[in-house]
Amino acid sequence: MESYLKAIRGCTDFAGRTTRLDFWMYQLVAGLVFAACIVLDHAFGFTPGAGGNSLFYALAAIFHVVPGLSVSVRRLHDTGRSGWWMLIGYTPLLALPPALVDPSLGAAALILSLAGPICLFAMYCLKSSPEANRFGPAQVWR
């Protein structure tokens, strides 16, 4: 919970580094918040999906956009990479429109659309660089 709150408090800080533990703990707590919001939506009669309203989930998503981006950028910094590497997570947006126009591109579009997010996930899983890098000093593991 401490890692989650630290990410929320530092949501406008896109500089510096975030350890692997802090990143994944933030992701875990945020996932639990989203799960609780889905339960609340169902309990109050909000039906997520096509044509439905998901009030609590939508509010949680809006609240978590900036903290999620900043903790992700700082995690990439911790591995010695620029935050711009996050853009490879958006390859599905580039691969799907051609597949909709020409269905014969289906397999190639699927592979292309999965490559970016898988590479980004792998970068998030890498060890922190043990020495200071251009984004700041090494974090002490706790």
N, C-alpha and C. Protein backbone atom coordinates (compact mmCIF):
# COMPACT_ATOMS: atom_id res chain seq x y z
N MET A 1 0.82 -1.19 0.00
CA MET A 1 0.00 0.00 0.00
C MET A 1 0.87 1.26 0.00
N GLU A 2 2.02 1.19 0.66
CA GLU A 2 2.94 2.33 0.70
C GLU A 2 3.40 2.70 -0.70
N SER A 3 3.71 1.70 -1.52
CA SER A 3 4.16 1.95 -2.89
C SER A 3 3.06 2.62 -3.71
N TYR A 4 1.83 2.18 -3.51
CA TYR A 4 0.69 2.76 -4.22
C TYR A 4 0.52 4.23 -3.84
N LEU A 5 0.54 4.50 -2.55
CA LEU A 5 0.36 5.88 -2.09
C LEU A 5 1.51 6.78 -2.53
N LYS A 6 2.73 6.23 -2.55
CA LYS A 6 3.88 7.00 -3.02
C LYS A 6 3.71 7.36 -4.50
N ALA A 7 3.18 6.43 -5.29
CA ALA A 7 2.95 6.70 -6.72
C ALA A 7 1.85 7.74 -6.90
N ILE A 8 0.81 7.67 -6.08
CA ILE A 8 -0.29 8.64 -6.19
C ILE A 8 0.20 10.03 -5.80
N ARG A 9 0.97 10.12 -4.71
CA ARG A 9 1.49 11.42 -4.26
C ARG A 9 2.46 12.02 -5.28
N GLY A 10 3.25 11.17 -5.94
CA GLY A 10 4.23 11.65 -6.91
C GLY A 10 3.75 11.55 -8.34
N CYS A 11 2.44 11.67 -8.53
CA CYS A 11 1.88 11.43 -9.87
C CYS A 11 2.32 12.44 -10.92
N THR A 12 2.76 13.60 -10.51
CA THR A 12 3.19 14.58 -11.51
C THR A 12 4.70 14.55 -11.72
N ASP A 13 5.36 13.64 -11.05
CA ASP A 13 6.82 13.52 -11.15
C ASP A 13 7.18 12.46 -12.19
N PHE A 14 7.57 12.92 -13.36
CA PHE A 14 7.96 11.99 -14.43
C PHE A 14 9.47 11.82 -14.49
N ALA A 15 10.17 12.44 -13.56
CA ALA A 15 11.63 12.33 -13.50
C ALA A 15 11.99 11.35 -12.39
N GLY A 16 13.18 10.85 -12.42
CA GLY A 16 13.62 9.94 -11.37
C GLY A 16 13.36 8.49 -11.71
N ARG A 17 13.40 7.67 -10.68
CA ARG A 17 13.32 6.22 -10.87
C ARG A 17 12.32 5.60 -9.90
N THR A 18 11.75 4.47 -10.29
CA THR A 18 10.86 3.67 -9.44
C THR A 18 11.35 2.23 -9.49
N THR A 19 11.50 1.63 -8.33
CA THR A 19 11.99 0.25 -8.28
C THR A 19 10.95 -0.72 -8.83
N ARG A 20 11.41 -1.90 -9.15
CA ARG A 20 10.53 -2.94 -9.66
C ARG A 20 9.45 -3.27 -8.63
N LEU A 21 9.84 -3.38 -7.35
CA LEU A 21 8.88 -3.70 -6.29
C LEU A 21 7.81 -2.61 -6.20
N ASP A 22 8.20 -1.35 -6.18
CA ASP A 22 7.23 -0.26 -6.09
C ASP A 22 6.29 -0.24 -7.29
N PHE A 23 6.84 -0.49 -8.47
CA PHE A 23 6.02 -0.50 -9.69
C PHE A 23 4.95 -1.59 -9.61
N TRP A 24 5.38 -2.81 -9.30
CA TRP A 24 4.43 -3.93 -9.29
C TRP A 24 3.45 -3.85 -8.13
N MET A 25 3.86 -3.30 -7.00
CA MET A 25 2.92 -3.11 -5.90
C MET A 25 1.87 -2.06 -6.27
N TYR A 26 2.27 -1.01 -6.95
CA TYR A 26 1.30 -0.03 -7.44
C TYR A 26 0.31 -0.71 -8.38
N GLN A 27 0.82 -1.52 -9.32
CA GLN A 27 -0.05 -2.20 -10.28
C GLN A 27 -1.03 -3.13 -9.57
N LEU A 28 -0.55 -3.84 -8.55
CA LEU A 28 -1.41 -4.76 -7.80
C LEU A 28 -2.54 -4.01 -7.10
N VAL A 29 -2.20 -2.96 -6.37
CA VAL A 29 -3.23 -2.21 -5.64
C VAL A 29 -4.19 -1.53 -6.62
N ALA A 30 -3.67 -0.97 -7.70
CA ALA A 30 -4.55 -0.35 -8.70
C ALA A 30 -5.50 -1.40 -9.29
N GLY A 31 -5.00 -2.60 -9.55
CA GLY A 31 -5.86 -3.67 -10.05
C GLY A 31 -6.95 -4.04 -9.06
N LEU A 32 -6.61 -4.07 -7.77
CA LEU A 32 -7.61 -4.35 -6.74
C LEU A 32 -8.65 -3.24 -6.65
N VAL A 33 -8.20 -2.00 -6.82
CA VAL A 33 -9.14 -0.86 -6.84
C VAL A 33 -10.10 -1.01 -8.01
N PHE A 34 -9.59 -1.37 -9.18
CA PHE A 34 -10.46 -1.55 -10.35
C PHE A 34 -11.44 -2.71 -10.13
N ALA A 35 -10.97 -3.79 -9.52
CA ALA A 35 -11.86 -4.92 -9.23
C ALA A 35 -12.97 -4.49 -8.27
N ALA A 36 -12.62 -3.72 -7.24
CA ALA A 36 -13.63 -3.23 -6.29
C ALA A 36 -14.63 -2.31 -7.00
N CYS A 37 -14.16 -1.52 -7.93
CA CYS A 37 -15.04 -0.63 -8.68
C CYS A 37 -16.01 -1.40 -9.55
N ILE A 38 -15.57 -2.50 -10.12
CA ILE A 38 -16.46 -3.34 -10.92
C ILE A 38 -17.55 -3.93 -10.03
N VAL A 39 -17.17 -4.39 -8.83
CA VAL A 39 -18.15 -4.92 -7.89
C VAL A 39 -19.15 -3.84 -7.50
N LEU A 40 -18.65 -2.63 -7.22
CA LEU A 40 -19.55 -1.51 -6.88
C LEU A 40 -20.49 -1.17 -8.03
N ASP A 41 -19.96 -1.18 -9.25
CA ASP A 41 -20.80 -0.90 -10.41
C ASP A 41 -21.95 -1.90 -10.50
N HIS A 42 -21.65 -3.17 -10.30
CA HIS A 42 -22.71 -4.19 -10.36
C HIS A 42 -23.67 -4.04 -9.19
N ALA A 43 -23.15 -3.72 -8.00
CA ALA A 43 -24.00 -3.58 -6.83
C ALA A 43 -24.98 -2.43 -6.96
N PHE A 44 -24.56 -1.36 -7.63
CA PHE A 44 -25.43 -0.20 -7.80
C PHE A 44 -26.18 -0.20 -9.13
N GLY A 45 -26.09 -1.29 -9.87
CA GLY A 45 -26.86 -1.42 -11.09
C GLY A 45 -26.24 -0.82 -12.33
N PHE A 46 -24.98 -0.43 -12.25
CA PHE A 46 -24.29 0.05 -13.44
C PHE A 46 -23.75 -1.16 -14.19
N THR A 47 -24.07 -1.27 -15.47
CA THR A 47 -23.65 -2.44 -16.23
C THR A 47 -22.55 -2.06 -17.20
N PRO A 48 -21.33 -2.52 -16.95
CA PRO A 48 -20.25 -2.21 -17.89
C PRO A 48 -20.46 -2.94 -19.21
N GLY A 49 -19.87 -2.40 -20.24
CA GLY A 49 -19.95 -3.04 -21.55
C GLY A 49 -20.60 -2.12 -22.56
N ALA A 50 -20.98 -2.70 -23.68
CA ALA A 50 -21.56 -1.93 -24.77
C ALA A 50 -22.86 -1.27 -24.34
N GLY A 51 -22.89 0.03 -24.40
CA GLY A 51 -24.10 0.77 -24.06
C GLY A 51 -24.36 0.92 -22.58
N GLY A 52 -23.51 0.33 -21.76
CA GLY A 52 -23.71 0.40 -20.31
C GLY A 52 -22.86 1.48 -19.68
N ASN A 53 -23.17 1.79 -18.46
CA ASN A 53 -22.42 2.80 -17.73
C ASN A 53 -21.63 2.13 -16.61
N SER A 54 -20.42 2.51 -16.44
CA SER A 54 -19.57 2.00 -15.36
C SER A 54 -19.05 3.20 -14.58
N LEU A 55 -19.87 3.74 -13.73
CA LEU A 55 -19.53 4.99 -13.05
C LEU A 55 -18.27 4.87 -12.20
N PHE A 56 -18.23 3.90 -11.30
CA PHE A 56 -17.09 3.79 -10.40
C PHE A 56 -15.81 3.40 -11.13
N TYR A 57 -15.94 2.49 -12.10
CA TYR A 57 -14.78 2.08 -12.88
C TYR A 57 -14.24 3.26 -13.69
N ALA A 58 -15.13 4.03 -14.28
CA ALA A 58 -14.71 5.20 -15.08
C ALA A 58 -14.00 6.22 -14.21
N LEU A 59 -14.54 6.48 -13.02
CA LEU A 59 -13.89 7.43 -12.11
C LEU A 59 -12.50 6.94 -11.69
N ALA A 60 -12.39 5.65 -11.41
CA ALA A 60 -11.09 5.08 -11.03
C ALA A 60 -10.11 5.17 -12.19
N ALA A 61 -10.58 4.91 -13.40
CA ALA A 61 -9.71 4.98 -14.57
C ALA A 61 -9.19 6.40 -14.78
N ILE A 62 -10.07 7.37 -14.65
CA ILE A 62 -9.65 8.77 -14.81
C ILE A 62 -8.63 9.13 -13.74
N PHE A 63 -8.90 8.71 -12.51
CA PHE A 63 -8.02 9.02 -11.39
C PHE A 63 -6.63 8.39 -11.56
N HIS A 64 -6.55 7.21 -12.20
CA HIS A 64 -5.29 6.47 -12.30
C HIS A 64 -4.50 6.74 -13.58
N VAL A 65 -4.99 7.55 -14.49
CA VAL A 65 -4.28 7.78 -15.75
C VAL A 65 -2.90 8.38 -15.51
N VAL A 66 -2.84 9.53 -14.86
CA VAL A 66 -1.56 10.23 -14.68
C VAL A 66 -0.63 9.46 -13.74
N PRO A 67 -1.10 8.96 -12.58
CA PRO A 67 -0.18 8.18 -11.73
C PRO A 67 0.36 6.94 -12.45
N GLY A 68 -0.49 6.28 -13.24
CA GLY A 68 -0.03 5.09 -13.97
C GLY A 68 1.04 5.42 -14.99
N LEU A 69 0.84 6.52 -15.70
CA LEU A 69 1.85 6.95 -16.68
C LEU A 69 3.16 7.32 -16.00
N SER A 70 3.07 8.07 -14.90
CA SER A 70 4.30 8.53 -14.26
C SER A 70 5.08 7.37 -13.63
N VAL A 71 4.39 6.44 -12.99
CA VAL A 71 5.11 5.31 -12.39
C VAL A 71 5.71 4.42 -13.48
N SER A 72 5.05 4.33 -14.62
CA SER A 72 5.58 3.53 -15.73
C SER A 72 6.82 4.18 -16.34
N VAL A 73 6.77 5.50 -16.51
CA VAL A 73 7.93 6.21 -17.05
C VAL A 73 9.12 6.08 -16.09
N ARG A 74 8.86 6.25 -14.80
CA ARG A 74 9.95 6.14 -13.82
C ARG A 74 10.49 4.72 -13.76
N ARG A 75 9.65 3.72 -13.99
CA ARG A 75 10.14 2.33 -14.02
C ARG A 75 11.07 2.12 -15.21
N LEU A 76 10.72 2.67 -16.35
CA LEU A 76 11.60 2.57 -17.51
C LEU A 76 12.91 3.31 -17.24
N HIS A 77 12.83 4.46 -16.57
CA HIS A 77 14.05 5.19 -16.19
C HIS A 77 14.94 4.32 -15.31
N ASP A 78 14.33 3.54 -14.42
CA ASP A 78 15.10 2.70 -13.51
C ASP A 78 15.90 1.63 -14.24
N THR A 79 15.44 1.26 -15.42
CA THR A 79 16.17 0.27 -16.22
C THR A 79 17.12 0.94 -17.21
N GLY A 80 17.20 2.28 -17.15
CA GLY A 80 18.12 3.01 -18.02
C GLY A 80 17.52 3.39 -19.36
N ARG A 81 16.19 3.30 -19.50
CA ARG A 81 15.54 3.62 -20.76
C ARG A 81 14.73 4.91 -20.64
N SER A 82 14.52 5.55 -21.75
CA SER A 82 13.70 6.75 -21.80
C SER A 82 12.23 6.38 -21.63
N GLY A 83 11.47 7.30 -21.09
CA GLY A 83 10.04 7.08 -20.95
C GLY A 83 9.31 6.99 -22.28
N TRP A 84 9.94 7.47 -23.34
CA TRP A 84 9.34 7.39 -24.67
C TRP A 84 9.13 5.95 -25.13
N TRP A 85 9.81 4.99 -24.50
CA TRP A 85 9.62 3.58 -24.85
C TRP A 85 8.19 3.13 -24.58
N MET A 86 7.45 3.88 -23.77
CA MET A 86 6.05 3.52 -23.51
C MET A 86 5.23 3.52 -24.79
N LEU A 87 5.65 4.28 -25.78
CA LEU A 87 4.88 4.36 -27.02
C LEU A 87 4.78 3.03 -27.74
N ILE A 88 5.71 2.10 -27.51
CA ILE A 88 5.59 0.81 -28.19
C ILE A 88 4.40 0.02 -27.67
N GLY A 89 3.86 0.41 -26.53
CA GLY A 89 2.66 -0.23 -26.02
C GLY A 89 1.42 0.08 -26.85
N TYR A 90 1.53 1.08 -27.71
CA TYR A 90 0.40 1.49 -28.54
C TYR A 90 0.44 0.91 -29.94
N THR A 91 1.30 -0.08 -30.18
CA THR A 91 1.34 -0.69 -31.51
C THR A 91 0.02 -1.33 -31.93
N PRO A 92 -0.84 -1.80 -31.01
CA PRO A 92 -2.13 -2.32 -31.49
C PRO A 92 -2.94 -1.26 -32.23
N LEU A 93 -2.80 0.00 -31.85
CA LEU A 93 -3.53 1.05 -32.55
C LEU A 93 -3.05 1.24 -33.98
N LEU A 94 -1.79 0.88 -34.23
CA LEU A 94 -1.25 0.98 -35.58
C LEU A 94 -1.52 -0.26 -36.41
N ALA A 95 -1.60 -1.41 -35.75
CA ALA A 95 -1.72 -2.67 -36.47
C ALA A 95 -3.16 -3.04 -36.80
N LEU A 96 -4.10 -2.62 -36.01
CA LEU A 96 -5.47 -3.07 -36.22
C LEU A 96 -6.19 -2.39 -37.40
N PRO A 97 -6.03 -1.10 -37.64
CA PRO A 97 -6.74 -0.51 -38.79
C PRO A 97 -6.43 -1.18 -40.14
N PRO A 98 -5.14 -1.50 -40.47
CA PRO A 98 -4.92 -2.21 -41.73
C PRO A 98 -5.59 -3.58 -41.76
N ALA A 99 -5.66 -4.24 -40.61
CA ALA A 99 -6.30 -5.56 -40.57
C ALA A 99 -7.80 -5.45 -40.81
N LEU A 100 -8.40 -4.34 -40.41
CA LEU A 100 -9.82 -4.15 -40.66
C LEU A 100 -10.10 -3.88 -42.13
N VAL A 101 -9.16 -3.23 -42.81
CA VAL A 101 -9.32 -2.93 -44.23
C VAL A 101 -9.07 -4.18 -45.07
N ASP A 102 -8.03 -4.93 -44.73
CA ASP A 102 -7.66 -6.12 -45.49
C ASP A 102 -7.56 -7.30 -44.52
N PRO A 103 -8.60 -8.14 -44.43
CA PRO A 103 -8.61 -9.25 -43.49
C PRO A 103 -7.48 -10.27 -43.70
N SER A 104 -6.86 -10.29 -44.88
CA SER A 104 -5.77 -11.23 -45.11
C SER A 104 -4.54 -10.87 -44.26
N LEU A 105 -4.51 -9.67 -43.71
CA LEU A 105 -3.40 -9.25 -42.85
C LEU A 105 -3.61 -9.67 -41.39
N GLY A 106 -4.62 -10.44 -41.13
CA GLY A 106 -5.01 -10.79 -39.76
C GLY A 106 -3.88 -11.30 -38.89
N ALA A 107 -3.16 -12.34 -39.32
CA ALA A 107 -2.09 -12.92 -38.49
C ALA A 107 -0.94 -11.95 -38.31
N ALA A 108 -0.55 -11.27 -39.38
CA ALA A 108 0.55 -10.31 -39.27
C ALA A 108 0.17 -9.16 -38.35
N ALA A 109 -1.06 -8.69 -38.46
CA ALA A 109 -1.53 -7.59 -37.60
C ALA A 109 -1.57 -8.03 -36.14
N LEU A 110 -1.97 -9.27 -35.91
CA LEU A 110 -2.02 -9.78 -34.53
C LEU A 110 -0.62 -9.84 -33.94
N ILE A 111 0.32 -10.37 -34.69
CA ILE A 111 1.71 -10.45 -34.21
C ILE A 111 2.27 -9.06 -33.95
N LEU A 112 2.06 -8.14 -34.87
CA LEU A 112 2.54 -6.77 -34.70
C LEU A 112 1.88 -6.10 -33.50
N SER A 113 0.59 -6.33 -33.33
CA SER A 113 -0.11 -5.67 -32.23
C SER A 113 0.31 -6.21 -30.88
N LEU A 114 0.78 -7.44 -30.81
CA LEU A 114 1.22 -8.02 -29.53
C LEU A 114 2.69 -7.75 -29.23
N ALA A 115 3.48 -7.50 -30.24
CA ALA A 115 4.92 -7.34 -30.04
C ALA A 115 5.27 -6.18 -29.12
N GLY A 116 4.67 -5.02 -29.33
CA GLY A 116 4.97 -3.85 -28.52
C GLY A 116 4.63 -4.03 -27.05
N PRO A 117 3.38 -4.40 -26.72
CA PRO A 117 3.03 -4.58 -25.32
C PRO A 117 3.86 -5.68 -24.63
N ILE A 118 4.21 -6.73 -25.34
CA ILE A 118 5.04 -7.79 -24.74
C ILE A 118 6.44 -7.26 -24.44
N CYS A 119 7.02 -6.50 -25.37
CA CYS A 119 8.34 -5.91 -25.12
C CYS A 119 8.30 -4.94 -23.94
N LEU A 120 7.25 -4.16 -23.85
CA LEU A 120 7.11 -3.20 -22.76
C LEU A 120 6.97 -3.95 -21.42
N PHE A 121 6.19 -5.01 -21.39
CA PHE A 121 6.07 -5.83 -20.18
C PHE A 121 7.42 -6.39 -19.77
N ALA A 122 8.19 -6.86 -20.75
CA ALA A 122 9.52 -7.39 -20.45
C ALA A 122 10.43 -6.31 -19.87
N MET A 123 10.33 -5.09 -20.38
CA MET A 123 11.14 -3.99 -19.84
C MET A 123 10.76 -3.68 -18.39
N TYR A 124 9.47 -3.77 -18.09
CA TYR A 124 9.02 -3.53 -16.72
C TYR A 124 9.56 -4.61 -15.77
N CYS A 125 9.80 -5.80 -16.29
CA CYS A 125 10.27 -6.91 -15.45
C CYS A 125 11.79 -6.93 -15.25
N LEU A 126 12.52 -6.15 -16.01
CA LEU A 126 13.98 -6.14 -15.91
C LEU A 126 14.45 -5.64 -14.55
N LYS A 127 15.63 -6.08 -14.15
CA LYS A 127 16.24 -5.59 -12.92
C LYS A 127 16.57 -4.12 -13.05
N SER A 128 16.58 -3.45 -11.92
CA SER A 128 16.99 -2.06 -11.89
C SER A 128 18.46 -1.97 -12.21
N SER A 129 18.87 -0.88 -12.86
CA SER A 129 20.29 -0.71 -13.09
C SER A 129 20.93 -0.36 -11.75
N PRO A 130 21.95 -1.12 -11.33
CA PRO A 130 22.49 -1.00 -9.98
C PRO A 130 23.27 0.28 -9.72
N GLU A 131 23.68 0.97 -10.75
CA GLU A 131 24.45 2.19 -10.57
C GLU A 131 23.59 3.39 -10.97
N ALA A 132 24.05 4.56 -10.64
CA ALA A 132 23.35 5.78 -11.03
C ALA A 132 23.33 5.86 -12.56
N ASN A 133 22.23 6.34 -13.10
CA ASN A 133 22.15 6.56 -14.54
C ASN A 133 21.69 7.99 -14.79
N ARG A 134 21.41 8.32 -16.02
CA ARG A 134 21.08 9.71 -16.35
C ARG A 134 19.76 10.17 -15.74
N PHE A 135 19.00 9.24 -15.15
CA PHE A 135 17.71 9.58 -14.55
C PHE A 135 17.78 9.72 -13.04
N GLY A 136 18.93 9.42 -12.46
CA GLY A 136 19.07 9.60 -11.02
C GLY A 136 19.88 8.49 -10.38
N PRO A 137 20.07 8.61 -9.06
CA PRO A 137 20.86 7.60 -8.33
C PRO A 137 20.07 6.28 -8.21
N ALA A 138 20.79 5.21 -7.98
CA ALA A 138 20.16 3.91 -7.80
C ALA A 138 19.31 3.93 -6.55
N GLN A 139 18.17 3.25 -6.61
CA GLN A 139 17.27 3.16 -5.46
C GLN A 139 17.74 2.04 -4.55
N VAL A 140 17.57 2.22 -3.27
CA VAL A 140 17.89 1.18 -2.30
C VAL A 140 16.71 0.24 -2.24
N TRP A 141 16.97 -1.04 -2.42
CA TRP A 141 15.89 -2.03 -2.37
C TRP A 141 15.42 -2.16 -0.95
N ARG A 142 14.11 -2.18 -0.74
CA ARG A 142 13.59 -2.35 0.60
C ARG A 142 12.73 -3.57 0.67
